[in-house]
N, C-alpha and C. Protein backbone atom coordinates (compact mmCIF):
# COMPACT_ATOMS: atom_id res chain seq x y z
N MET A 1 9.96 -2.13 19.84
CA MET A 1 9.41 -3.46 19.67
C MET A 1 8.11 -3.58 20.47
N ASN A 2 7.17 -4.31 19.90
CA ASN A 2 5.93 -4.53 20.64
C ASN A 2 6.04 -5.82 21.45
N GLU A 3 4.94 -6.22 22.08
CA GLU A 3 4.98 -7.41 22.95
C GLU A 3 5.21 -8.71 22.19
N HIS A 4 5.09 -8.66 20.85
CA HIS A 4 5.34 -9.85 20.03
C HIS A 4 6.74 -9.85 19.43
N GLY A 5 7.55 -8.90 19.85
CA GLY A 5 8.92 -8.82 19.35
C GLY A 5 9.04 -8.20 17.97
N MET A 6 7.99 -7.50 17.54
CA MET A 6 8.00 -6.90 16.21
C MET A 6 8.32 -5.41 16.31
N ASP A 7 9.23 -4.97 15.47
CA ASP A 7 9.56 -3.56 15.38
C ASP A 7 8.49 -2.89 14.52
N MET A 8 7.54 -2.22 15.16
CA MET A 8 6.40 -1.65 14.44
C MET A 8 6.81 -0.52 13.50
N LYS A 9 7.82 0.24 13.84
CA LYS A 9 8.28 1.30 12.95
C LYS A 9 8.81 0.70 11.65
N ALA A 10 9.57 -0.38 11.76
CA ALA A 10 10.10 -1.05 10.57
C ALA A 10 8.96 -1.67 9.76
N PHE A 11 8.00 -2.27 10.45
CA PHE A 11 6.84 -2.88 9.81
C PHE A 11 6.09 -1.85 8.96
N VAL A 12 5.81 -0.70 9.54
CA VAL A 12 5.07 0.35 8.84
C VAL A 12 5.91 0.92 7.70
N ARG A 13 7.17 1.18 7.96
CA ARG A 13 8.05 1.74 6.92
C ARG A 13 8.15 0.80 5.73
N GLU A 14 8.37 -0.50 5.98
CA GLU A 14 8.46 -1.48 4.89
C GLU A 14 7.16 -1.55 4.10
N CYS A 15 6.04 -1.49 4.81
CA CYS A 15 4.74 -1.52 4.13
C CYS A 15 4.58 -0.28 3.25
N ASP A 16 4.86 0.87 3.81
CA ASP A 16 4.74 2.13 3.04
C ASP A 16 5.59 2.08 1.77
N LEU A 17 6.83 1.69 1.91
CA LEU A 17 7.73 1.67 0.75
C LEU A 17 7.30 0.66 -0.29
N ALA A 18 6.77 -0.47 0.16
CA ALA A 18 6.27 -1.49 -0.76
C ALA A 18 5.04 -0.98 -1.52
N LEU A 19 4.14 -0.32 -0.81
CA LEU A 19 2.95 0.24 -1.46
C LEU A 19 3.33 1.34 -2.45
N ILE A 20 4.28 2.17 -2.07
CA ILE A 20 4.75 3.23 -2.97
C ILE A 20 5.33 2.63 -4.24
N ASP A 21 6.15 1.59 -4.11
CA ASP A 21 6.74 0.95 -5.29
C ASP A 21 5.66 0.40 -6.22
N LEU A 22 4.63 -0.19 -5.64
CA LEU A 22 3.56 -0.75 -6.46
C LEU A 22 2.77 0.36 -7.16
N VAL A 23 2.33 1.34 -6.42
CA VAL A 23 1.48 2.38 -6.98
C VAL A 23 2.25 3.30 -7.93
N MET A 24 3.44 3.69 -7.55
CA MET A 24 4.19 4.67 -8.35
C MET A 24 4.92 4.05 -9.54
N HIS A 25 5.38 2.80 -9.38
CA HIS A 25 6.24 2.21 -10.41
C HIS A 25 5.71 0.89 -10.97
N GLY A 26 4.59 0.40 -10.43
CA GLY A 26 4.03 -0.86 -10.90
C GLY A 26 4.88 -2.07 -10.53
N GLN A 27 5.74 -1.91 -9.54
CA GLN A 27 6.63 -3.00 -9.14
C GLN A 27 6.15 -3.59 -7.82
N ARG A 28 5.93 -4.90 -7.83
CA ARG A 28 5.40 -5.53 -6.62
C ARG A 28 6.43 -6.39 -5.89
N LYS A 29 7.69 -6.34 -6.31
CA LYS A 29 8.74 -7.15 -5.68
C LYS A 29 8.83 -6.89 -4.17
N LYS A 30 8.87 -5.61 -3.77
CA LYS A 30 8.96 -5.28 -2.35
C LYS A 30 7.70 -5.71 -1.60
N LEU A 31 6.54 -5.57 -2.25
CA LEU A 31 5.30 -5.96 -1.59
C LEU A 31 5.25 -7.48 -1.39
N ASP A 32 5.69 -8.24 -2.38
CA ASP A 32 5.73 -9.70 -2.22
C ASP A 32 6.69 -10.10 -1.11
N LYS A 33 7.85 -9.45 -1.04
CA LYS A 33 8.83 -9.73 0.01
C LYS A 33 8.26 -9.38 1.39
N TYR A 34 7.61 -8.23 1.48
CA TYR A 34 6.97 -7.79 2.73
C TYR A 34 5.90 -8.81 3.16
N ALA A 35 5.08 -9.22 2.21
CA ALA A 35 3.99 -10.16 2.51
C ALA A 35 4.54 -11.49 3.03
N ARG A 36 5.59 -11.98 2.40
CA ARG A 36 6.22 -13.24 2.87
C ARG A 36 6.81 -13.07 4.26
N LYS A 37 7.52 -11.97 4.47
CA LYS A 37 8.21 -11.73 5.75
C LYS A 37 7.23 -11.68 6.92
N TYR A 38 6.09 -11.00 6.71
CA TYR A 38 5.14 -10.79 7.80
C TYR A 38 3.90 -11.69 7.73
N GLY A 39 3.86 -12.58 6.76
CA GLY A 39 2.72 -13.49 6.65
C GLY A 39 1.43 -12.79 6.28
N VAL A 40 1.54 -11.76 5.44
CA VAL A 40 0.37 -11.00 5.02
C VAL A 40 -0.14 -11.58 3.70
N PRO A 41 -1.39 -12.06 3.68
CA PRO A 41 -1.92 -12.59 2.43
C PRO A 41 -2.24 -11.46 1.44
N LEU A 42 -1.93 -11.69 0.17
CA LEU A 42 -2.24 -10.72 -0.88
C LEU A 42 -3.32 -11.29 -1.79
N PRO A 43 -4.20 -10.44 -2.29
CA PRO A 43 -5.23 -10.94 -3.21
C PRO A 43 -4.60 -11.43 -4.51
N GLU A 44 -5.25 -12.39 -5.14
CA GLU A 44 -4.74 -12.91 -6.42
C GLU A 44 -4.99 -11.93 -7.56
N SER A 45 -6.08 -11.21 -7.49
CA SER A 45 -6.43 -10.27 -8.55
C SER A 45 -5.53 -9.04 -8.50
N GLU A 46 -4.90 -8.73 -9.63
CA GLU A 46 -4.03 -7.56 -9.71
C GLU A 46 -4.83 -6.27 -9.51
N ILE A 47 -6.07 -6.24 -10.01
CA ILE A 47 -6.91 -5.05 -9.86
C ILE A 47 -7.25 -4.83 -8.38
N VAL A 48 -7.61 -5.90 -7.69
CA VAL A 48 -7.95 -5.80 -6.27
C VAL A 48 -6.72 -5.38 -5.47
N LEU A 49 -5.56 -5.95 -5.80
CA LEU A 49 -4.32 -5.60 -5.12
C LEU A 49 -3.99 -4.12 -5.30
N MET A 50 -4.07 -3.66 -6.54
CA MET A 50 -3.74 -2.27 -6.83
C MET A 50 -4.76 -1.32 -6.18
N ALA A 51 -6.03 -1.66 -6.23
CA ALA A 51 -7.05 -0.81 -5.60
C ALA A 51 -6.80 -0.72 -4.09
N GLY A 52 -6.49 -1.85 -3.47
CA GLY A 52 -6.20 -1.85 -2.04
C GLY A 52 -4.97 -1.02 -1.70
N ALA A 53 -3.95 -1.13 -2.53
CA ALA A 53 -2.72 -0.36 -2.31
C ALA A 53 -3.00 1.13 -2.45
N CYS A 54 -3.77 1.50 -3.46
CA CYS A 54 -4.10 2.92 -3.67
C CYS A 54 -4.91 3.46 -2.49
N LYS A 55 -5.90 2.71 -2.05
CA LYS A 55 -6.72 3.17 -0.93
C LYS A 55 -5.90 3.25 0.36
N ALA A 56 -4.99 2.30 0.54
CA ALA A 56 -4.12 2.33 1.73
C ALA A 56 -3.25 3.59 1.73
N LEU A 57 -2.70 3.94 0.57
CA LEU A 57 -1.89 5.16 0.49
C LEU A 57 -2.72 6.40 0.78
N LEU A 58 -3.93 6.42 0.26
CA LEU A 58 -4.79 7.60 0.46
C LEU A 58 -5.19 7.78 1.92
N GLU A 59 -5.37 6.70 2.64
CA GLU A 59 -5.82 6.77 4.04
C GLU A 59 -4.67 6.86 5.04
N SER A 60 -3.46 6.65 4.58
CA SER A 60 -2.30 6.63 5.46
C SER A 60 -1.99 8.01 6.03
N VAL A 61 -1.54 8.04 7.26
CA VAL A 61 -1.05 9.27 7.88
C VAL A 61 0.48 9.22 8.04
N SER A 62 1.09 8.27 7.41
CA SER A 62 2.53 8.07 7.50
C SER A 62 3.30 9.22 6.84
N PRO A 63 4.41 9.61 7.45
CA PRO A 63 5.23 10.66 6.83
C PRO A 63 5.92 10.20 5.55
N HIS A 64 5.94 8.90 5.29
CA HIS A 64 6.56 8.38 4.06
C HIS A 64 5.69 8.63 2.83
N ILE A 65 4.39 8.81 3.06
CA ILE A 65 3.45 8.98 1.95
C ILE A 65 3.33 10.47 1.63
N LYS A 66 3.75 10.82 0.44
CA LYS A 66 3.75 12.23 0.01
C LYS A 66 2.53 12.51 -0.88
N GLN A 67 2.31 13.78 -1.16
CA GLN A 67 1.13 14.17 -1.96
C GLN A 67 1.18 13.58 -3.36
N ASN A 68 2.35 13.50 -3.97
CA ASN A 68 2.42 12.92 -5.32
C ASN A 68 2.02 11.44 -5.31
N HIS A 69 2.26 10.72 -4.21
CA HIS A 69 1.82 9.33 -4.09
C HIS A 69 0.30 9.29 -4.01
N ARG A 70 -0.26 10.18 -3.20
CA ARG A 70 -1.73 10.25 -3.05
C ARG A 70 -2.39 10.62 -4.38
N ASP A 71 -1.81 11.57 -5.09
CA ASP A 71 -2.38 12.01 -6.37
C ASP A 71 -2.43 10.86 -7.37
N LYS A 72 -1.34 10.12 -7.48
CA LYS A 72 -1.31 9.01 -8.43
C LYS A 72 -2.28 7.91 -8.03
N ALA A 73 -2.36 7.63 -6.74
CA ALA A 73 -3.30 6.61 -6.25
C ALA A 73 -4.74 7.01 -6.57
N GLU A 74 -5.07 8.27 -6.32
CA GLU A 74 -6.44 8.73 -6.61
C GLU A 74 -6.74 8.66 -8.10
N ARG A 75 -5.81 9.09 -8.93
CA ARG A 75 -6.01 9.02 -10.39
C ARG A 75 -6.24 7.58 -10.85
N TRP A 76 -5.46 6.64 -10.30
CA TRP A 76 -5.61 5.24 -10.70
C TRP A 76 -7.02 4.75 -10.35
N LEU A 77 -7.46 5.03 -9.14
CA LEU A 77 -8.79 4.59 -8.71
C LEU A 77 -9.88 5.19 -9.59
N LEU A 78 -9.83 6.47 -9.84
CA LEU A 78 -10.84 7.12 -10.66
C LEU A 78 -10.83 6.58 -12.09
N ARG A 79 -9.65 6.36 -12.63
CA ARG A 79 -9.51 5.81 -13.99
C ARG A 79 -10.13 4.42 -14.10
N HIS A 80 -10.16 3.70 -12.99
CA HIS A 80 -10.71 2.35 -12.97
C HIS A 80 -12.14 2.30 -12.40
N GLY A 81 -12.78 3.46 -12.34
CA GLY A 81 -14.17 3.53 -11.93
C GLY A 81 -14.41 3.31 -10.45
N MET A 82 -13.40 3.57 -9.64
CA MET A 82 -13.51 3.37 -8.19
C MET A 82 -13.45 4.70 -7.45
N LYS A 83 -14.08 4.72 -6.30
CA LYS A 83 -14.05 5.92 -5.47
C LYS A 83 -12.80 5.88 -4.59
N PRO A 84 -12.18 7.03 -4.35
CA PRO A 84 -10.94 7.07 -3.59
C PRO A 84 -11.06 6.83 -2.09
N GLY A 85 -12.23 6.87 -1.53
CA GLY A 85 -12.37 6.68 -0.08
C GLY A 85 -12.54 5.23 0.33
N ILE A 86 -12.53 5.00 1.61
CA ILE A 86 -12.79 3.68 2.18
C ILE A 86 -14.27 3.63 2.56
N GLY A 87 -14.94 2.56 2.17
CA GLY A 87 -16.34 2.38 2.54
C GLY A 87 -17.30 3.28 1.80
N VAL A 88 -16.86 3.79 0.63
CA VAL A 88 -17.76 4.64 -0.16
C VAL A 88 -17.99 4.01 -1.52
């Protein structure tokens, strides 16, 4: 737990799993639940949400994020005319 009483391992794990569900399966139920639980605002645009999720997966160093997740995220970004990096 951090100084705010938040279990950071759980926070990161829930975020990772929610992003994986969105990118790999197109399901945002876990992401919506995560956002409500932690007060994280989500963009209204589905394209912006998906692009952000893909870029987050690509930049993550989490052990939950596997190469097949990164591959699908990169393909989605390229298919939509976006670069896979942050700030590029």
